Amino acid sequence: MKKDLARIERQIEKAEIREIELLAALEAASFDADELLRLTAELESHRAKKSLLEEEWLHANEALEGE
């Protein structure tokens, strides 16, 4: 279970870095409507995946504490 928790934490860290990259790309594309739409959709999808990872982490952490 500790390995699962560590794996999820690494994935969350990568997701946070990607989110920062996407936000910077959004700012840089402020005058390109097509790129803004594409990046916004990618960011929304990415945030949903990150939310699932955080939920998975929470469940793994609770399971670990219950051992």
Protein backbone atom coordinates (compact mmCIF):
# COMPACT_ATOMS: atom_id res chain seq x y z
CA MET A 1 0.00 0.00 0.00
CA LYS A 2 2.90 2.38 0.70
CA LYS A 3 4.17 1.83 -2.84
CA ASP A 4 0.74 2.72 -4.22
CA LEU A 5 0.66 5.86 -2.13
CA ALA A 6 4.13 6.90 -3.31
CA ARG A 7 3.17 6.23 -6.94
CA ILE A 8 0.04 8.32 -6.64
CA GLU A 9 1.96 11.14 -4.98
CA ARG A 10 4.44 11.18 -7.89
CA GLN A 11 1.56 11.29 -10.37
CA ILE A 12 -0.04 14.18 -8.49
CA GLU A 13 3.26 16.09 -8.52
CA LYS A 14 3.55 15.59 -12.28
CA ALA A 15 -0.07 16.66 -12.69
CA GLU A 16 0.57 19.86 -10.73
CA ILE A 17 3.56 20.67 -12.94
CA ARG A 18 1.51 20.05 -16.09
CA GLU A 19 -1.25 22.29 -14.77
CA ILE A 20 1.24 25.12 -14.29
CA GLU A 21 2.51 24.56 -17.84
CA LEU A 22 -1.01 24.67 -19.23
CA LEU A 23 -1.83 27.85 -17.34
CA ALA A 24 1.32 29.48 -18.73
CA ALA A 25 0.39 28.32 -22.23
CA LEU A 26 -3.07 29.81 -21.79
CA GLU A 27 -1.56 33.13 -20.85
CA ALA A 28 0.81 33.03 -23.83
CA ALA A 29 -2.03 32.20 -26.22
CA SER A 30 -4.28 35.01 -25.06
CA PHE A 31 -4.78 36.34 -28.60
CA ASP A 32 -5.30 32.97 -30.34
CA ALA A 33 -8.92 31.90 -29.88
CA ASP A 34 -8.45 28.40 -31.31
CA GLU A 35 -5.45 27.72 -29.11
CA LEU A 36 -7.29 29.09 -26.07
CA LEU A 37 -10.18 26.71 -26.70
CA ARG A 38 -7.84 23.74 -27.13
CA LEU A 39 -5.81 24.57 -24.04
CA THR A 40 -8.91 25.23 -21.95
CA ALA A 41 -10.34 21.84 -22.88
CA GLU A 42 -7.03 20.16 -22.10
CA LEU A 43 -6.82 21.95 -18.76
CA GLU A 44 -10.34 20.91 -17.80
CA SER A 45 -9.62 17.30 -18.71
CA HIS A 46 -6.33 17.43 -16.86
CA ARG A 47 -7.94 18.86 -13.72
CA ALA A 48 -10.55 16.09 -13.76
CA LYS A 49 -7.79 13.46 -13.95
CA LYS A 50 -5.88 15.20 -11.16
CA SER A 51 -9.01 15.19 -9.02
CA LEU A 52 -9.35 11.45 -9.52
CA LEU A 53 -5.71 10.98 -8.49
CA GLU A 54 -6.28 13.02 -5.34
CA GLU A 55 -9.32 10.92 -4.52
CA GLU A 56 -7.31 7.74 -5.14
CA TRP A 57 -4.58 9.09 -2.84
CA LEU A 58 -7.13 9.79 -0.12
CA HIS A 59 -8.50 6.25 -0.28
CA ALA A 60 -5.00 4.73 -0.31
CA ASN A 61 -3.99 6.86 2.65
CA GLU A 62 -7.09 5.87 4.62
CA ALA A 63 -6.44 2.21 3.85
CA LEU A 64 -2.85 2.55 5.00
CA GLU A 65 -3.90 4.20 8.26
CA GLY A 66 -6.40 1.40 8.83
CA GLU A 67 -3.71 -1.27 8.72
